[in-house]
Amino acid sequence: EPARVSFAARLHDDIAFESADALVAQIERDVATTRQLLTPAS
């Protein structure tokens, strides 16, 4: 079944990471930023 996807915001350009740990740290920051962007204001 087709799905429709829309982007709320672009987080950043492509990044080359020095290590797997640096990648994991960025993913954690991206998750936190995404949660803030998608949480409705109260």
PDB file of N, CA and C in Angstrom:
ATOM      1  N   GLU A   1       0.839  -1.165   0.000  1.00  0.00           N
ATOM      2  CA  GLU A   1       0.000   0.000   0.000  1.00  0.00           C
ATOM      3  C   GLU A   1       0.895   1.243   0.000  1.00  0.00           C
ATOM      4  N   PRO A   2       0.652   2.185  -0.886  1.00  0.00           N
ATOM      5  CA  PRO A   2       1.468   3.402  -0.939  1.00  0.00           C
ATOM      6  C   PRO A   2       1.357   4.210   0.353  1.00  0.00           C
ATOM      7  N   ALA A   3       2.445   4.858   0.688  1.00  0.00           N
ATOM      8  CA  ALA A   3       2.470   5.743   1.859  1.00  0.00           C
ATOM      9  C   ALA A   3       2.892   7.133   1.410  1.00  0.00           C
ATOM     10  N   ARG A   4       2.329   8.121   2.036  1.00  0.00           N
ATOM     11  CA  ARG A   4       2.693   9.507   1.738  1.00  0.00           C
ATOM     12  C   ARG A   4       3.603  10.007   2.860  1.00  0.00           C
ATOM     13  N   VAL A   5       4.729  10.593   2.481  1.00  0.00           N
ATOM     14  CA  VAL A   5       5.703  11.101   3.448  1.00  0.00           C
ATOM     15  C   VAL A   5       5.930  12.575   3.172  1.00  0.00           C
ATOM     16  N   SER A   6       5.970  13.373   4.219  1.00  0.00           N
ATOM     17  CA  SER A   6       6.332  14.782   4.061  1.00  0.00           C
ATOM     18  C   SER A   6       7.381  15.119   5.113  1.00  0.00           C
ATOM     19  N   PHE A   7       8.251  16.050   4.778  1.00  0.00           N
ATOM     20  CA  PHE A   7       9.339  16.430   5.665  1.00  0.00           C
ATOM     21  C   PHE A   7       8.973  17.708   6.407  1.00  0.00           C
ATOM     22  N   ALA A   8       9.140  17.693   7.723  1.00  0.00           N
ATOM     23  CA  ALA A   8       8.831  18.866   8.542  1.00  0.00           C
ATOM     24  C   ALA A   8       9.986  19.856   8.531  1.00  0.00           C
ATOM     25  N   ALA A   9      11.216  19.343   8.469  1.00  0.00           N
ATOM     26  CA  ALA A   9      12.395  20.217   8.499  1.00  0.00           C
ATOM     27  C   ALA A   9      13.620  19.418   8.085  1.00  0.00           C
ATOM     28  N   ARG A  10      14.596  20.125   7.578  1.00  0.00           N
ATOM     29  CA  ARG A  10      15.886  19.497   7.274  1.00  0.00           C
ATOM     30  C   ARG A  10      16.790  19.731   8.474  1.00  0.00           C
ATOM     31  N   LEU A  11      17.338  18.668   9.024  1.00  0.00           N
ATOM     32  CA  LEU A  11      18.147  18.808  10.230  1.00  0.00           C
ATOM     33  C   LEU A  11      19.549  19.326   9.927  1.00  0.00           C
ATOM     34  N   HIS A  12      20.153  18.804   8.851  1.00  0.00           N
ATOM     35  CA  HIS A  12      21.512  19.228   8.498  1.00  0.00           C
ATOM     36  C   HIS A  12      21.910  18.591   7.172  1.00  0.00           C
ATOM     37  N   ASP A  13      23.001  19.082   6.604  1.00  0.00           N
ATOM     38  CA  ASP A  13      23.555  18.480   5.396  1.00  0.00           C
ATOM     39  C   ASP A  13      24.225  17.152   5.758  1.00  0.00           C
ATOM     40  N   ASP A  14      24.708  16.445   4.737  1.00  0.00           N
ATOM     41  CA  ASP A  14      25.432  15.198   4.973  1.00  0.00           C
ATOM     42  C   ASP A  14      26.675  15.477   5.810  1.00  0.00           C
ATOM     43  N   ILE A  15      26.994  14.549   6.691  1.00  0.00           N
ATOM     44  CA  ILE A  15      28.141  14.692   7.582  1.00  0.00           C
ATOM     45  C   ILE A  15      28.991  13.429   7.481  1.00  0.00           C
ATOM     46  N   ALA A  16      30.309  13.602   7.379  1.00  0.00           N
ATOM     47  CA  ALA A  16      31.239  12.475   7.460  1.00  0.00           C
ATOM     48  C   ALA A  16      31.682  12.356   8.918  1.00  0.00           C
ATOM     49  N   PHE A  17      31.551  11.179   9.488  1.00  0.00           N
ATOM     50  CA  PHE A  17      31.858  10.990  10.902  1.00  0.00           C
ATOM     51  C   PHE A  17      33.217  10.338  11.078  1.00  0.00           C
ATOM     52  N   GLU A  18      33.915  10.782  12.116  1.00  0.00           N
ATOM     53  CA  GLU A  18      35.253  10.265  12.424  1.00  0.00           C
ATOM     54  C   GLU A  18      35.185   8.852  12.997  1.00  0.00           C
ATOM     55  N   SER A  19      34.048   8.520  13.623  1.00  0.00           N
ATOM     56  CA  SER A  19      33.934   7.216  14.283  1.00  0.00           C
ATOM     57  C   SER A  19      32.462   6.835  14.416  1.00  0.00           C
ATOM     58  N   ALA A  20      32.258   5.578  14.775  1.00  0.00           N
ATOM     59  CA  ALA A  20      30.892   5.116  15.032  1.00  0.00           C
ATOM     60  C   ALA A  20      30.302   5.847  16.234  1.00  0.00           C
ATOM     61  N   ASP A  21      31.127   6.137  17.231  1.00  0.00           N
ATOM     62  CA  ASP A  21      30.643   6.866  18.411  1.00  0.00           C
ATOM     63  C   ASP A  21      30.155   8.258  18.037  1.00  0.00           C
ATOM     64  N   ALA A  22      30.867   8.925  17.137  1.00  0.00           N
ATOM     65  CA  ALA A  22      30.446  10.258  16.689  1.00  0.00           C
ATOM     66  C   ALA A  22      29.113  10.171  15.941  1.00  0.00           C
ATOM     67  N   LEU A  23      28.938   9.133  15.145  1.00  0.00           N
ATOM     68  CA  LEU A  23      27.673   8.919  14.436  1.00  0.00           C
ATOM     69  C   LEU A  23      26.532   8.700  15.426  1.00  0.00           C
ATOM     70  N   VAL A  24      26.751   7.852  16.413  1.00  0.00           N
ATOM     71  CA  VAL A  24      25.719   7.574  17.417  1.00  0.00           C
ATOM     72  C   VAL A  24      25.350   8.847  18.167  1.00  0.00           C
ATOM     73  N   ALA A  25      26.343   9.660  18.527  1.00  0.00           N
ATOM     74  CA  ALA A  25      26.074  10.913  19.236  1.00  0.00           C
ATOM     75  C   ALA A  25      25.220  11.845  18.379  1.00  0.00           C
ATOM     76  N   GLN A  26      25.508  11.915  17.070  1.00  0.00           N
ATOM     77  CA  GLN A  26      24.724  12.778  16.189  1.00  0.00           C
ATOM     78  C   GLN A  26      23.300  12.257  16.043  1.00  0.00           C
ATOM     79  N   ILE A  27      23.152  10.957  15.938  1.00  0.00           N
ATOM     80  CA  ILE A  27      21.805  10.377  15.848  1.00  0.00           C
ATOM     81  C   ILE A  27      21.002  10.734  17.095  1.00  0.00           C
ATOM     82  N   GLU A  28      21.629  10.653  18.261  1.00  0.00           N
ATOM     83  CA  GLU A  28      20.929  11.014  19.505  1.00  0.00           C
ATOM     84  C   GLU A  28      20.507  12.477  19.491  1.00  0.00           C
ATOM     85  N   ARG A  29      21.378  13.367  19.008  1.00  0.00           N
ATOM     86  CA  ARG A  29      21.014  14.784  18.903  1.00  0.00           C
ATOM     87  C   ARG A  29      19.886  14.974  17.896  1.00  0.00           C
ATOM     88  N   ASP A  30      19.955  14.260  16.774  1.00  0.00           N
ATOM     89  CA  ASP A  30      18.909  14.368  15.752  1.00  0.00           C
ATOM     90  C   ASP A  30      17.558  13.897  16.292  1.00  0.00           C
ATOM     91  N   VAL A  31      17.558  12.826  17.067  1.00  0.00           N
ATOM     92  CA  VAL A  31      16.313  12.329  17.661  1.00  0.00           C
ATOM     93  C   VAL A  31      15.733  13.381  18.598  1.00  0.00           C
ATOM     94  N   ALA A  32      16.573  13.982  19.439  1.00  0.00           N
ATOM     95  CA  ALA A  32      16.096  15.013  20.370  1.00  0.00           C
ATOM     96  C   ALA A  32      15.531  16.211  19.611  1.00  0.00           C
ATOM     97  N   THR A  33      16.228  16.642  18.559  1.00  0.00           N
ATOM     98  CA  THR A  33      15.760  17.774  17.757  1.00  0.00           C
ATOM     99  C   THR A  33      14.437  17.445  17.085  1.00  0.00           C
ATOM    100  N   THR A  34      14.325  16.251  16.536  1.00  0.00           N
ATOM    101  CA  THR A  34      13.100  15.834  15.859  1.00  0.00           C
ATOM    102  C   THR A  34      11.925  15.799  16.826  1.00  0.00           C
ATOM    103  N   ARG A  35      12.158  15.301  18.024  1.00  0.00           N
ATOM    104  CA  ARG A  35      11.079  15.278  19.021  1.00  0.00           C
ATOM    105  C   ARG A  35      10.609  16.688  19.346  1.00  0.00           C
ATOM    106  N   GLN A  36      11.547  17.624  19.465  1.00  0.00           N
ATOM    107  CA  GLN A  36      11.171  19.015  19.739  1.00  0.00           C
ATOM    108  C   GLN A  36      10.363  19.597  18.582  1.00  0.00           C
ATOM    109  N   LEU A  37      10.796  19.314  17.353  1.00  0.00           N
ATOM    110  CA  LEU A  37      10.101  19.854  16.184  1.00  0.00           C
ATOM    111  C   LEU A  37       8.689  19.295  16.035  1.00  0.00           C
ATOM    112  N   LEU A  38       8.498  18.044  16.410  1.00  0.00           N
ATOM    113  CA  LEU A  38       7.217  17.382  16.173  1.00  0.00           C
ATOM    114  C   LEU A  38       6.283  17.393  17.380  1.00  0.00           C
ATOM    115  N   THR A  39       6.755  17.896  18.511  1.00  0.00           N
ATOM    116  CA  THR A  39       5.902  17.986  19.695  1.00  0.00           C
ATOM    117  C   THR A  39       5.052  19.245  19.599  1.00  0.00           C
ATOM    118  N   PRO A  40       3.735  19.091  19.672  1.00  0.00           N
ATOM    119  CA  PRO A  40       2.872  20.280  19.597  1.00  0.00           C
ATOM    120  C   PRO A  40       3.137  21.232  20.770  1.00  0.00           C
ATOM    121  N   ALA A  41       3.092  22.513  20.487  1.00  0.00           N
ATOM    122  CA  ALA A  41       3.253  23.518  21.544  1.00  0.00           C
ATOM    123  C   ALA A  41       2.039  23.469  22.459  1.00  0.00           C
ATOM    124  N   SER A  42       2.296  23.632  23.756  1.00  0.00           N
ATOM    125  CA  SER A  42       1.159  23.580  24.692  1.00  0.00           C
ATOM    126  C   SER A  42       0.802  24.946  25.222  1.00  0.00           C
TER     127      SER A  42
END
